Amino acid sequence: MQRARLGMRSALVNHGVRVLIIAGCLGHLSFASAAACEHLTGLTIPYTEVSSAISVAAGAFSPATAQDQGGSVASFTVPAFCRVLAVAKPTSDSEIHIEVWLPVAEAWNGRFLGTGNGGYASALSYKQMADALQKGYATAGSDTGHSGGDLRFGVGHPEKINDWAYRAVHVMTDVAHLVIRSYYGRLVAHSYFWGCSTGGHQALTEAQRYPDGQRRNHLGRGGEQPDPASHWLSVELAGPSRA
């Protein structure tokens, strides 16, 4: 397998939240898309290994790590897509797990939706990713570089805190754009971001830290309550009030 040599570039991270345009989705896999999907494991991306690229048929799909409110494995209805798994290690103490979901070429609307996380949770927003596929979007999510739902992962690991705070979303987006370009043979036209609570923090931090990539961004949030971001530093460090 010939390995494609791709240089890391500044992400075209255009973030938005609720997508109104719905593209048609095909219920079958074309041979060309299926072949291209398997070949994505041959990509060379700085400090990132593409560990798996598998074509998934249309229908019910259950990511092994996705759980519903009852604790059972969650299932989502999806169109045919290419599921790409990657692990990025931008520092010696980083291990960021990334998923990129790609609708077949005929169904792609030319757009990308990145997804955020909640609180300190490492869980990917699979429901939002499945919804994005149904609308024709290429989509991605990450575990922000740790496993679990509290800050214990950061004790003695400042780089893992940096991954959670800002770096994982940026790396996820860079990796997704490179994978998308390789799979479809063209760049993303517009990118969006879905997130709430920590997801809002992720979106705003990405825009502030990497403004050159945000000139055409669609930045926003999802969810029911107006909680676009939380001031986590003050939440964690503020002690009990004193008289």
Protein backbone atom coordinates (compact mmCIF):
# COMPACT_ATOMS: atom_id res chain seq x y z
CA MET A 1 0.00 0.00 0.00
CA GLN A 2 1.42 3.33 -1.02
CA ARG A 3 1.54 5.70 1.94
CA ALA A 4 0.38 9.22 1.29
CA ARG A 5 2.74 11.85 2.65
CA LEU A 6 0.72 14.66 4.14
CA GLY A 7 2.15 17.66 5.96
CA MET A 8 0.29 19.05 8.94
CA ARG A 9 -1.32 22.34 8.14
CA SER A 10 -3.24 24.92 10.07
CA ALA A 11 -6.82 23.69 10.42
CA LEU A 12 -9.65 25.38 8.58
CA VAL A 13 -11.68 25.14 11.74
CA ASN A 14 -14.98 26.82 10.97
CA HIS A 15 -17.23 26.08 13.89
CA GLY A 16 -20.98 26.27 14.12
CA VAL A 17 -23.65 24.46 15.97
CA ARG A 18 -27.05 23.66 14.64
CA VAL A 19 -27.13 22.66 10.99
CA LEU A 20 -30.25 23.39 8.96
CA ILE A 21 -29.20 22.03 5.59
CA ILE A 22 -30.03 18.35 5.14
CA ALA A 23 -28.34 16.39 2.38
CA GLY A 24 -29.63 13.11 1.01
CA CYS A 25 -27.88 9.96 2.24
CA LEU A 26 -27.38 6.76 0.32
CA GLY A 27 -28.23 3.40 1.79
CA HIS A 28 -25.44 1.54 0.03
CA LEU A 29 -21.67 1.58 -0.21
CA SER A 30 -20.12 2.39 -3.56
CA PHE A 31 -17.08 0.28 -4.42
CA ALA A 32 -14.88 3.36 -4.86
CA SER A 33 -15.72 4.76 -1.43
CA ALA A 34 -15.25 1.40 0.26
CA ALA A 35 -11.82 0.96 -1.29
CA ALA A 36 -10.74 4.49 -0.40
CA CYS A 37 -11.92 3.96 3.18
CA GLU A 38 -9.66 0.97 3.77
CA HIS A 39 -6.71 2.84 2.28
CA LEU A 40 -6.92 5.62 4.87
CA THR A 41 -4.86 3.51 7.28
CA GLY A 42 -1.93 4.29 5.00
CA LEU A 43 -2.01 8.01 5.73
CA THR A 44 1.05 9.54 7.36
CA ILE A 45 0.02 12.36 9.70
CA PRO A 46 2.44 13.97 12.18
CA TYR A 47 2.32 12.35 15.64
CA THR A 48 -0.87 10.51 14.64
CA GLU A 49 -1.54 6.88 13.75
CA VAL A 50 -4.65 5.93 11.79
CA SER A 51 -5.32 2.61 13.48
CA SER A 52 -8.50 1.60 11.67
CA ALA A 53 -10.63 2.56 8.65
CA ILE A 54 -13.72 0.42 8.13
CA SER A 55 -16.75 0.77 5.88
CA VAL A 56 -20.00 0.60 7.87
CA ALA A 57 -23.25 -0.37 6.15
CA ALA A 58 -26.40 1.69 6.53
CA GLY A 59 -28.71 0.75 9.40
CA ALA A 60 -28.37 0.35 13.16
CA PHE A 61 -24.88 1.04 14.48
CA SER A 62 -23.61 0.64 18.04
CA PRO A 63 -20.19 2.05 18.95
CA ALA A 64 -18.79 -0.23 21.65
CA THR A 65 -18.17 2.64 24.08
CA ALA A 66 -21.51 4.42 23.57
CA GLN A 67 -24.06 3.99 26.36
CA ASP A 68 -27.62 5.19 26.75
CA GLN A 69 -29.07 6.61 29.97
CA GLY A 70 -29.77 3.11 31.27
CA GLY A 71 -26.15 2.07 30.86
CA SER A 72 -26.84 -0.22 27.88
CA VAL A 73 -24.93 0.03 24.63
CA ALA A 74 -26.55 2.78 22.58
CA SER A 75 -27.58 2.23 18.97
CA PHE A 76 -27.96 4.83 16.24
CA THR A 77 -29.45 4.73 12.77
CA VAL A 78 -26.82 5.79 10.27
CA PRO A 79 -26.32 5.94 6.51
CA ALA A 80 -23.39 4.07 4.98
CA PHE A 81 -20.12 5.65 6.10
CA CYS A 82 -16.39 5.18 6.60
CA ARG A 83 -15.37 5.02 10.27
CA VAL A 84 -11.80 6.13 10.89
CA LEU A 85 -10.08 5.65 14.26
CA ALA A 86 -6.84 7.46 15.05
CA VAL A 87 -4.59 8.07 18.04
CA ALA A 88 -2.64 11.34 18.27
CA LYS A 89 0.35 11.86 20.58
CA PRO A 90 1.41 15.50 20.19
CA THR A 91 3.44 15.27 23.44
CA SER A 92 5.14 12.36 25.20
CA ASP A 93 2.28 12.26 27.73
CA SER A 94 -0.57 12.64 25.22
CA GLU A 95 -2.88 9.95 23.89
CA ILE A 96 -5.86 11.48 22.12
CA HIS A 97 -8.34 9.03 20.60
CA ILE A 98 -10.15 10.45 17.58
CA GLU A 99 -12.99 9.21 15.41
CA VAL A 100 -13.77 10.62 11.97
CA TRP A 101 -16.99 9.52 10.26
CA LEU A 102 -17.24 10.04 6.51
CA PRO A 103 -20.44 9.65 4.47
CA VAL A 104 -19.99 8.08 1.05
CA ALA A 105 -18.80 10.55 -1.56
CA GLU A 106 -22.19 10.87 -3.26
CA ALA A 107 -23.82 11.83 0.05
CA TRP A 108 -21.25 14.31 1.37
CA ASN A 109 -22.47 17.91 1.42
CA GLY A 110 -18.94 19.33 1.43
CA ARG A 111 -19.11 20.32 5.10
CA PHE A 112 -17.60 19.21 8.41
CA LEU A 113 -19.08 19.10 11.91
CA GLY A 114 -16.73 18.76 14.87
CA THR A 115 -18.28 17.66 18.17
CA GLY A 116 -17.42 18.61 21.74
CA ASN A 117 -17.60 16.94 25.13
CA GLY A 118 -19.40 17.62 28.41
CA GLY A 119 -17.75 18.43 31.73
CA TYR A 120 -14.57 16.41 32.16
CA ALA A 121 -16.11 13.43 30.38
CA SER A 122 -14.13 11.59 27.75
CA ALA A 123 -17.24 10.23 26.03
CA LEU A 124 -17.66 11.10 22.38
CA SER A 125 -20.91 12.74 21.25
CA TYR A 126 -21.99 9.78 19.13
CA LYS A 127 -25.61 10.87 18.84
CA GLN A 128 -24.59 14.22 17.36
CA MET A 129 -22.13 12.48 15.04
CA ALA A 130 -24.87 10.12 13.84
CA ASP A 131 -27.23 13.07 13.29
CA ALA A 132 -24.51 14.84 11.30
CA LEU A 133 -24.06 11.81 9.05
CA GLN A 134 -27.79 11.76 8.36
CA LYS A 135 -27.48 15.34 7.11
CA GLY A 136 -24.51 14.56 4.86
CA TYR A 137 -21.75 15.96 7.05
CA ALA A 138 -18.32 14.50 7.65
CA THR A 139 -17.95 14.56 11.43
CA ALA A 140 -15.45 13.89 14.20
CA GLY A 141 -15.08 13.59 17.96
CA SER A 142 -12.38 12.81 20.51
CA ASP A 143 -11.93 11.66 24.10
CA THR A 144 -9.83 14.83 24.72
CA GLY A 145 -6.88 12.65 25.68
CA HIS A 146 -8.14 10.78 28.73
CA SER A 147 -10.66 8.24 30.00
CA GLY A 148 -13.24 9.00 32.66
CA GLY A 149 -15.41 11.82 33.89
CA ASP A 150 -13.39 13.70 36.50
CA LEU A 151 -10.07 15.50 36.87
CA ARG A 152 -8.07 12.63 38.33
CA PHE A 153 -6.51 12.08 34.94
CA GLY A 154 -4.72 15.43 35.31
CA VAL A 155 -2.95 14.81 38.62
CA GLY A 156 0.75 14.95 37.82
CA HIS A 157 -0.01 15.19 34.09
CA PRO A 158 -0.06 18.85 33.00
CA GLU A 159 0.08 17.95 29.31
CA LYS A 160 -3.07 15.87 29.65
CA ILE A 161 -4.77 18.91 31.16
CA ASN A 162 -3.63 20.92 28.14
CA ASP A 163 -5.02 18.23 25.86
CA TRP A 164 -8.40 18.42 27.60
CA ALA A 165 -8.38 22.22 27.80
CA TYR A 166 -7.63 23.03 24.16
CA ARG A 167 -5.17 20.86 22.28
CA ALA A 168 -7.32 17.77 21.62
CA VAL A 169 -10.02 19.68 19.75
CA HIS A 170 -7.42 21.43 17.59
CA VAL A 171 -5.58 18.18 16.81
CA MET A 172 -8.90 16.41 16.15
CA THR A 173 -9.88 19.08 13.64
CA ASP A 174 -6.52 19.06 11.88
CA VAL A 175 -6.59 15.27 11.60
CA ALA A 176 -10.20 15.28 10.38
CA HIS A 177 -9.47 17.83 7.67
CA LEU A 178 -6.52 15.82 6.41
CA VAL A 179 -8.52 12.58 6.40
CA ILE A 180 -11.42 14.30 4.61
CA ARG A 181 -9.13 15.77 1.98
CA SER A 182 -7.60 12.36 1.31
CA TYR A 183 -10.95 10.54 1.17
CA TYR A 184 -12.88 12.96 -1.03
CA GLY A 185 -10.01 14.55 -2.93
CA ARG A 186 -11.08 18.08 -2.02
CA LEU A 187 -11.10 20.48 0.90
CA VAL A 188 -13.98 21.14 3.28
CA ALA A 189 -16.11 24.06 2.12
CA HIS A 190 -17.48 25.00 5.57
CA SER A 191 -16.93 23.62 9.05
CA TYR A 192 -19.08 23.75 12.17
CA PHE A 193 -18.84 22.77 15.80
CA TRP A 194 -21.47 21.27 18.09
CA GLY A 195 -20.98 21.56 21.84
CA CYS A 196 -22.51 22.53 25.16
CA SER A 197 -20.90 23.39 28.52
CA THR A 198 -17.34 22.14 28.01
CA GLY A 199 -18.20 21.98 24.32
CA GLY A 200 -18.75 25.73 24.37
CA HIS A 201 -15.44 26.20 26.13
CA GLN A 202 -13.78 24.04 23.47
CA ALA A 203 -15.26 26.05 20.62
CA LEU A 204 -14.41 29.45 22.09
CA THR A 205 -10.88 28.37 23.05
CA GLU A 206 -10.24 27.06 19.54
CA ALA A 207 -11.34 30.37 18.04
CA GLN A 208 -9.25 32.43 20.48
CA ARG A 209 -6.06 30.36 20.25
CA TYR A 210 -6.14 29.82 16.50
CA PRO A 211 -7.78 32.95 15.04
CA ASP A 212 -6.17 32.57 11.61
CA GLY A 213 -8.20 29.43 11.08
CA GLN A 214 -11.43 31.05 12.22
CA ARG A 215 -12.05 33.66 9.54
CA ARG A 216 -14.93 31.72 8.00
CA ASN A 217 -15.97 29.95 11.15
CA HIS A 218 -19.48 29.13 12.27
CA LEU A 219 -19.05 29.03 16.00
CA GLY A 220 -21.78 28.01 18.36
CA ARG A 221 -23.36 25.48 20.66
CA GLY A 222 -26.13 22.97 21.06
CA GLY A 223 -28.16 21.83 24.00
CA GLU A 224 -31.26 23.12 25.68
CA GLN A 225 -29.93 25.57 28.27
CA PRO A 226 -27.79 28.67 27.60
CA ASP A 227 -24.48 27.38 28.94
CA PRO A 228 -22.02 28.11 26.11
CA ALA A 229 -18.98 27.72 28.36
CA SER A 230 -17.97 27.35 31.97
CA HIS A 231 -15.13 29.02 33.86
CA TRP A 232 -13.68 25.70 35.00
CA LEU A 233 -10.54 27.15 36.61
CA SER A 234 -12.54 29.17 39.11
CA VAL A 235 -14.94 26.29 39.64
CA GLU A 236 -12.13 23.93 40.63
CA LEU A 237 -9.87 26.32 42.54
CA ALA A 238 -12.39 28.44 44.45
CA GLY A 239 -12.57 27.28 48.05
CA PRO A 240 -15.59 27.52 50.35
CA SER A 241 -16.75 31.05 51.07
CA ARG A 242 -15.48 32.53 54.29
CA ALA A 243 -17.26 35.03 56.51
